[in-house]
N, C-alpha and C. Protein backbone atom coordinates (compact mmCIF):
# COMPACT_ATOMS: atom_id res chain seq x y z
N MET A 1 -38.69 17.84 -1.67
CA MET A 1 -37.26 17.97 -1.53
C MET A 1 -36.74 16.78 -0.74
N ILE A 2 -35.57 16.33 -1.08
CA ILE A 2 -34.92 15.22 -0.40
C ILE A 2 -34.21 15.79 0.83
N GLY A 3 -34.40 15.17 1.97
CA GLY A 3 -33.71 15.68 3.13
C GLY A 3 -33.93 14.81 4.35
N GLY A 4 -33.12 15.05 5.38
CA GLY A 4 -33.26 14.32 6.63
C GLY A 4 -33.20 12.83 6.43
N ASN A 5 -34.06 12.12 7.15
CA ASN A 5 -34.13 10.67 7.07
C ASN A 5 -35.34 10.20 6.28
N VAL A 6 -35.79 11.03 5.37
CA VAL A 6 -36.97 10.70 4.57
C VAL A 6 -36.57 9.73 3.46
N PRO A 7 -37.31 8.60 3.34
CA PRO A 7 -37.00 7.68 2.24
C PRO A 7 -37.30 8.35 0.90
N VAL A 8 -36.54 7.99 -0.10
CA VAL A 8 -36.68 8.61 -1.41
C VAL A 8 -36.95 7.53 -2.45
N THR A 9 -37.91 7.80 -3.29
CA THR A 9 -38.16 6.96 -4.44
C THR A 9 -37.90 7.80 -5.68
N ALA A 10 -37.09 7.31 -6.56
CA ALA A 10 -36.81 8.03 -7.80
C ALA A 10 -37.05 7.07 -8.96
N ASN A 11 -37.51 7.60 -10.05
CA ASN A 11 -37.72 6.82 -11.26
C ASN A 11 -36.73 7.29 -12.31
N PHE A 12 -36.22 6.35 -13.07
CA PHE A 12 -35.24 6.73 -14.09
C PHE A 12 -35.44 5.89 -15.33
N THR A 13 -34.89 6.38 -16.41
CA THR A 13 -34.86 5.64 -17.66
C THR A 13 -33.60 6.02 -18.41
N LEU A 14 -33.25 5.24 -19.36
CA LEU A 14 -32.10 5.54 -20.19
C LEU A 14 -32.42 6.68 -21.16
N GLN A 15 -31.42 7.45 -21.50
CA GLN A 15 -31.60 8.52 -22.48
C GLN A 15 -32.08 7.95 -23.80
N SER A 16 -31.62 6.75 -24.14
CA SER A 16 -32.04 6.14 -25.41
C SER A 16 -33.55 5.86 -25.40
N THR A 17 -34.12 5.55 -24.25
CA THR A 17 -35.57 5.34 -24.15
C THR A 17 -36.30 6.65 -24.37
N ILE A 18 -35.80 7.72 -23.77
CA ILE A 18 -36.40 9.04 -23.96
C ILE A 18 -36.34 9.43 -25.43
N ASP A 19 -35.19 9.22 -26.04
CA ASP A 19 -35.01 9.58 -27.45
C ASP A 19 -35.91 8.75 -28.37
N ARG A 20 -36.05 7.46 -28.05
CA ARG A 20 -36.79 6.54 -28.90
C ARG A 20 -38.31 6.74 -28.77
N ASP A 21 -38.79 7.01 -27.55
CA ASP A 21 -40.24 7.07 -27.36
C ASP A 21 -40.63 8.07 -26.28
N PRO A 22 -40.44 9.35 -26.56
CA PRO A 22 -40.76 10.36 -25.55
C PRO A 22 -42.24 10.37 -25.15
N ALA A 23 -43.12 9.97 -26.04
CA ALA A 23 -44.55 9.93 -25.70
C ALA A 23 -44.83 8.88 -24.63
N LYS A 24 -44.14 7.75 -24.73
CA LYS A 24 -44.32 6.69 -23.72
C LYS A 24 -43.76 7.15 -22.38
N VAL A 25 -42.62 7.82 -22.39
CA VAL A 25 -42.04 8.35 -21.15
C VAL A 25 -43.00 9.37 -20.55
N GLN A 26 -43.57 10.23 -21.38
CA GLN A 26 -44.52 11.23 -20.87
C GLN A 26 -45.74 10.56 -20.26
N ALA A 27 -46.25 9.52 -20.90
CA ALA A 27 -47.41 8.81 -20.37
C ALA A 27 -47.09 8.19 -19.01
N TYR A 28 -45.90 7.63 -18.86
CA TYR A 28 -45.48 7.04 -17.59
C TYR A 28 -45.38 8.11 -16.50
N VAL A 29 -44.76 9.23 -16.82
CA VAL A 29 -44.62 10.31 -15.84
C VAL A 29 -46.01 10.88 -15.50
N ASN A 30 -46.87 11.03 -16.49
CA ASN A 30 -48.23 11.48 -16.22
C ASN A 30 -48.92 10.56 -15.22
N ALA A 31 -48.79 9.26 -15.43
CA ALA A 31 -49.43 8.29 -14.53
C ALA A 31 -48.86 8.40 -13.12
N LEU A 32 -47.55 8.52 -13.01
CA LEU A 32 -46.95 8.66 -11.68
C LEU A 32 -47.42 9.93 -10.99
N TYR A 33 -47.46 11.02 -11.73
CA TYR A 33 -47.89 12.30 -11.16
C TYR A 33 -49.35 12.22 -10.71
N ARG A 34 -50.21 11.67 -11.55
CA ARG A 34 -51.62 11.56 -11.20
C ARG A 34 -51.82 10.64 -10.00
N ALA A 35 -51.07 9.55 -9.92
CA ALA A 35 -51.16 8.67 -8.77
C ALA A 35 -50.73 9.40 -7.50
N GLY A 36 -49.67 10.16 -7.59
CA GLY A 36 -49.21 10.93 -6.43
C GLY A 36 -50.25 11.94 -5.98
N GLN A 37 -50.90 12.59 -6.92
CA GLN A 37 -51.94 13.56 -6.56
C GLN A 37 -53.15 12.86 -5.92
N TRP A 38 -53.45 11.66 -6.40
CA TRP A 38 -54.54 10.90 -5.79
C TRP A 38 -54.17 10.51 -4.36
N ILE A 39 -52.95 10.06 -4.15
CA ILE A 39 -52.49 9.71 -2.81
C ILE A 39 -52.57 10.93 -1.89
N LYS A 40 -52.14 12.07 -2.40
CA LYS A 40 -52.15 13.31 -1.61
C LYS A 40 -53.55 13.65 -1.12
N THR A 41 -54.56 13.46 -1.96
CA THR A 41 -55.91 13.89 -1.61
C THR A 41 -56.78 12.78 -1.01
N SER A 42 -56.27 11.57 -0.96
CA SER A 42 -57.06 10.44 -0.43
C SER A 42 -56.69 10.16 1.02
N SER A 43 -57.63 9.62 1.74
CA SER A 43 -57.37 9.24 3.12
C SER A 43 -56.57 7.94 3.16
N ALA A 44 -55.94 7.70 4.29
CA ALA A 44 -55.19 6.45 4.46
C ALA A 44 -56.13 5.25 4.29
N ALA A 45 -57.36 5.37 4.78
CA ALA A 45 -58.32 4.27 4.66
C ALA A 45 -58.68 4.01 3.20
N GLU A 46 -58.85 5.08 2.42
CA GLU A 46 -59.15 4.92 0.99
C GLU A 46 -57.99 4.21 0.28
N ILE A 47 -56.78 4.64 0.58
CA ILE A 47 -55.60 4.04 -0.05
C ILE A 47 -55.49 2.58 0.36
N TYR A 48 -55.68 2.31 1.64
CA TYR A 48 -55.62 0.93 2.13
C TYR A 48 -56.65 0.07 1.40
N GLY A 49 -57.83 0.62 1.16
CA GLY A 49 -58.87 -0.14 0.47
C GLY A 49 -58.44 -0.60 -0.92
N ILE A 50 -57.58 0.18 -1.55
CA ILE A 50 -57.07 -0.19 -2.88
C ILE A 50 -55.92 -1.19 -2.79
N VAL A 51 -55.01 -0.99 -1.86
CA VAL A 51 -53.80 -1.82 -1.81
C VAL A 51 -53.93 -3.06 -0.94
N GLU A 52 -54.99 -3.18 -0.19
CA GLU A 52 -55.15 -4.28 0.77
C GLU A 52 -54.88 -5.66 0.19
N PRO A 53 -55.35 -5.98 -1.01
CA PRO A 53 -55.08 -7.32 -1.54
C PRO A 53 -53.58 -7.61 -1.77
N TYR A 54 -52.76 -6.57 -1.76
CA TYR A 54 -51.35 -6.74 -2.12
C TYR A 54 -50.38 -6.60 -0.95
N VAL A 55 -50.89 -6.39 0.26
CA VAL A 55 -50.00 -6.10 1.39
C VAL A 55 -49.58 -7.32 2.20
N GLY A 56 -50.06 -8.46 1.85
CA GLY A 56 -49.61 -9.67 2.54
C GLY A 56 -50.23 -9.82 3.91
N SER A 57 -49.43 -10.26 4.86
CA SER A 57 -49.96 -10.63 6.17
C SER A 57 -49.86 -9.53 7.22
N THR A 58 -49.53 -8.31 6.83
CA THR A 58 -49.45 -7.22 7.81
C THR A 58 -50.86 -6.77 8.19
N SER A 59 -50.98 -6.23 9.38
CA SER A 59 -52.30 -5.85 9.87
C SER A 59 -52.79 -4.55 9.24
N ARG A 60 -54.09 -4.36 9.28
CA ARG A 60 -54.70 -3.13 8.77
C ARG A 60 -54.11 -1.92 9.50
N ASP A 61 -54.03 -2.00 10.82
CA ASP A 61 -53.50 -0.88 11.61
C ASP A 61 -52.07 -0.55 11.23
N ALA A 62 -51.24 -1.57 11.05
CA ALA A 62 -49.84 -1.33 10.66
C ALA A 62 -49.77 -0.67 9.28
N ASN A 63 -50.63 -1.12 8.38
CA ASN A 63 -50.65 -0.53 7.05
C ASN A 63 -51.13 0.92 7.06
N LEU A 64 -52.12 1.22 7.87
CA LEU A 64 -52.60 2.60 7.97
C LEU A 64 -51.51 3.51 8.52
N ILE A 65 -50.77 3.03 9.49
CA ILE A 65 -49.64 3.82 10.04
C ILE A 65 -48.61 4.07 8.95
N GLU A 66 -48.29 3.04 8.19
CA GLU A 66 -47.31 3.15 7.11
C GLU A 66 -47.78 4.13 6.02
N ILE A 67 -49.04 4.04 5.66
CA ILE A 67 -49.59 4.93 4.64
C ILE A 67 -49.54 6.38 5.13
N GLU A 68 -49.92 6.62 6.36
CA GLU A 68 -49.87 7.98 6.91
C GLU A 68 -48.43 8.50 6.92
N ALA A 69 -47.48 7.65 7.28
CA ALA A 69 -46.07 8.06 7.28
C ALA A 69 -45.62 8.42 5.87
N TYR A 70 -45.99 7.61 4.91
CA TYR A 70 -45.64 7.89 3.52
C TYR A 70 -46.25 9.22 3.08
N LYS A 71 -47.55 9.40 3.36
CA LYS A 71 -48.23 10.62 2.94
C LYS A 71 -47.58 11.87 3.53
N SER A 72 -47.11 11.77 4.78
CA SER A 72 -46.51 12.94 5.42
C SER A 72 -45.09 13.22 4.91
N ALA A 73 -44.44 12.21 4.37
CA ALA A 73 -43.05 12.39 3.91
C ALA A 73 -42.94 12.59 2.40
N ALA A 74 -44.00 12.31 1.68
CA ALA A 74 -43.95 12.35 0.22
C ALA A 74 -43.75 13.76 -0.32
N ASP A 75 -43.07 13.83 -1.44
CA ASP A 75 -42.92 15.08 -2.18
C ASP A 75 -43.85 14.99 -3.36
N TYR A 76 -44.93 15.72 -3.31
CA TYR A 76 -45.94 15.64 -4.35
C TYR A 76 -45.63 16.55 -5.54
N ASP A 77 -44.59 17.33 -5.44
CA ASP A 77 -44.21 18.26 -6.51
C ASP A 77 -43.50 17.55 -7.65
N GLY A 78 -42.59 16.65 -7.33
CA GLY A 78 -41.89 15.87 -8.34
C GLY A 78 -40.71 16.54 -9.02
N ILE A 79 -40.40 17.76 -8.64
CA ILE A 79 -39.28 18.47 -9.25
C ILE A 79 -38.02 18.23 -8.42
N ILE A 80 -36.96 17.81 -9.08
CA ILE A 80 -35.67 17.63 -8.40
C ILE A 80 -34.87 18.90 -8.65
N ASP A 81 -34.86 19.78 -7.65
CA ASP A 81 -34.12 21.04 -7.79
C ASP A 81 -32.65 20.82 -7.41
N ASP A 82 -31.86 21.87 -7.51
CA ASP A 82 -30.42 21.75 -7.23
C ASP A 82 -30.15 21.27 -5.81
N THR A 83 -30.89 21.80 -4.84
CA THR A 83 -30.69 21.41 -3.44
C THR A 83 -30.98 19.93 -3.24
N SER A 84 -32.09 19.47 -3.80
CA SER A 84 -32.45 18.06 -3.68
C SER A 84 -31.43 17.17 -4.37
N PHE A 85 -30.97 17.57 -5.54
CA PHE A 85 -29.99 16.77 -6.27
C PHE A 85 -28.70 16.67 -5.49
N LYS A 86 -28.25 17.77 -4.91
CA LYS A 86 -27.02 17.74 -4.11
C LYS A 86 -27.16 16.83 -2.90
N CYS A 87 -28.32 16.84 -2.29
CA CYS A 87 -28.56 15.95 -1.15
C CYS A 87 -28.50 14.48 -1.59
N GLY A 88 -29.17 14.16 -2.69
CA GLY A 88 -29.15 12.80 -3.21
C GLY A 88 -27.78 12.38 -3.69
N ALA A 89 -27.01 13.34 -4.21
CA ALA A 89 -25.67 13.05 -4.72
C ALA A 89 -24.78 12.45 -3.65
N LYS A 90 -25.03 12.79 -2.39
CA LYS A 90 -24.24 12.23 -1.29
C LYS A 90 -24.37 10.71 -1.24
N VAL A 91 -25.50 10.21 -1.67
CA VAL A 91 -25.74 8.76 -1.70
C VAL A 91 -25.33 8.18 -3.04
N TRP A 92 -25.78 8.79 -4.13
CA TRP A 92 -25.56 8.24 -5.46
C TRP A 92 -24.10 8.19 -5.86
N PHE A 93 -23.34 9.21 -5.49
CA PHE A 93 -21.98 9.35 -5.99
C PHE A 93 -20.91 9.05 -4.95
N ARG A 94 -21.25 8.36 -3.88
CA ARG A 94 -20.24 8.04 -2.87
C ARG A 94 -19.30 6.97 -3.42
N ASP A 95 -18.16 6.84 -2.78
CA ASP A 95 -17.10 5.97 -3.28
C ASP A 95 -17.57 4.54 -3.58
N MET A 96 -18.36 3.97 -2.73
CA MET A 96 -18.71 2.56 -2.90
C MET A 96 -19.65 2.29 -4.07
N THR A 97 -20.28 3.33 -4.65
CA THR A 97 -21.19 3.09 -5.78
C THR A 97 -20.44 2.95 -7.09
N GLY A 98 -19.27 3.58 -7.19
CA GLY A 98 -18.52 3.56 -8.43
C GLY A 98 -19.12 4.45 -9.51
N ILE A 99 -20.11 5.26 -9.14
CA ILE A 99 -20.76 6.16 -10.09
C ILE A 99 -20.07 7.52 -10.02
N LYS A 100 -19.62 7.99 -11.16
CA LYS A 100 -18.94 9.28 -11.21
C LYS A 100 -19.97 10.41 -11.15
N PRO A 101 -19.69 11.45 -10.37
CA PRO A 101 -20.64 12.58 -10.26
C PRO A 101 -20.92 13.24 -11.61
N ILE A 102 -22.17 13.64 -11.80
CA ILE A 102 -22.59 14.39 -12.97
C ILE A 102 -23.46 15.56 -12.51
N ALA A 103 -23.65 16.51 -13.36
CA ALA A 103 -24.46 17.68 -13.04
C ALA A 103 -25.95 17.32 -13.11
N ARG A 104 -26.75 18.02 -12.32
CA ARG A 104 -28.20 17.79 -12.30
C ARG A 104 -28.80 17.89 -13.70
N GLU A 105 -28.40 18.91 -14.45
CA GLU A 105 -28.99 19.10 -15.77
C GLU A 105 -28.64 17.98 -16.74
N ASP A 106 -27.61 17.20 -16.43
CA ASP A 106 -27.25 16.05 -17.27
C ASP A 106 -27.97 14.78 -16.83
N ALA A 107 -28.62 14.84 -15.66
CA ALA A 107 -29.27 13.64 -15.12
C ALA A 107 -30.78 13.76 -15.02
N VAL A 108 -31.29 14.97 -14.97
CA VAL A 108 -32.71 15.18 -14.71
C VAL A 108 -33.39 15.78 -15.94
N ALA A 109 -34.39 15.07 -16.45
CA ALA A 109 -35.18 15.57 -17.58
C ALA A 109 -36.53 16.01 -17.02
N ASP A 110 -36.55 17.17 -16.38
CA ASP A 110 -37.78 17.60 -15.72
C ASP A 110 -38.84 18.13 -16.67
N VAL A 111 -38.56 18.11 -17.95
CA VAL A 111 -39.55 18.52 -18.94
C VAL A 111 -40.80 17.64 -18.84
N PHE A 112 -40.64 16.38 -18.49
CA PHE A 112 -41.77 15.45 -18.42
C PHE A 112 -42.67 15.75 -17.22
N ILE A 113 -42.07 15.96 -16.05
CA ILE A 113 -42.89 16.26 -14.86
C ILE A 113 -43.54 17.64 -15.01
N ARG A 114 -42.83 18.56 -15.61
CA ARG A 114 -43.42 19.90 -15.82
C ARG A 114 -44.62 19.83 -16.77
N ALA A 115 -44.54 18.99 -17.80
CA ALA A 115 -45.66 18.81 -18.71
C ALA A 115 -46.84 18.14 -18.02
N ALA A 116 -46.55 17.17 -17.16
CA ALA A 116 -47.63 16.49 -16.40
C ALA A 116 -48.32 17.47 -15.48
N LYS A 117 -47.54 18.30 -14.80
CA LYS A 117 -48.12 19.29 -13.88
C LYS A 117 -48.97 20.30 -14.64
N LYS A 118 -48.52 20.68 -15.81
CA LYS A 118 -49.27 21.64 -16.62
C LYS A 118 -50.60 21.04 -17.07
N LYS A 119 -50.55 19.78 -17.45
CA LYS A 119 -51.75 19.10 -17.96
C LYS A 119 -52.75 18.77 -16.85
N TYR A 120 -52.23 18.33 -15.69
CA TYR A 120 -53.11 17.82 -14.63
C TYR A 120 -53.19 18.72 -13.40
N GLY A 121 -52.48 19.82 -13.42
CA GLY A 121 -52.58 20.78 -12.31
C GLY A 121 -51.79 20.49 -11.14
């Protein structure tokens, strides 16, 4: 769930992409879900061992702290419920974005995450 001062990462695609190639969208969501489940069950040291070549000049200790913070704040469920959507809407639909508010059911295609969860547990 989105809340407090927790950073949020969201993935999106155009409806035309979903319509044109739902199998590709499903494969992408499956990969994201499986990666999240791996992060959930892996230690910070294991994760660091994979990402170390890509972290630049930051120290190992700083990266381990960052990974632990991410792991503790992450939402491994992947479902954007009404409460979460309303919380995010405060950011997405504020005056300075120029984005007109829409309903959650018009913005969220949770059929893909639900299928990934069913397939991968």
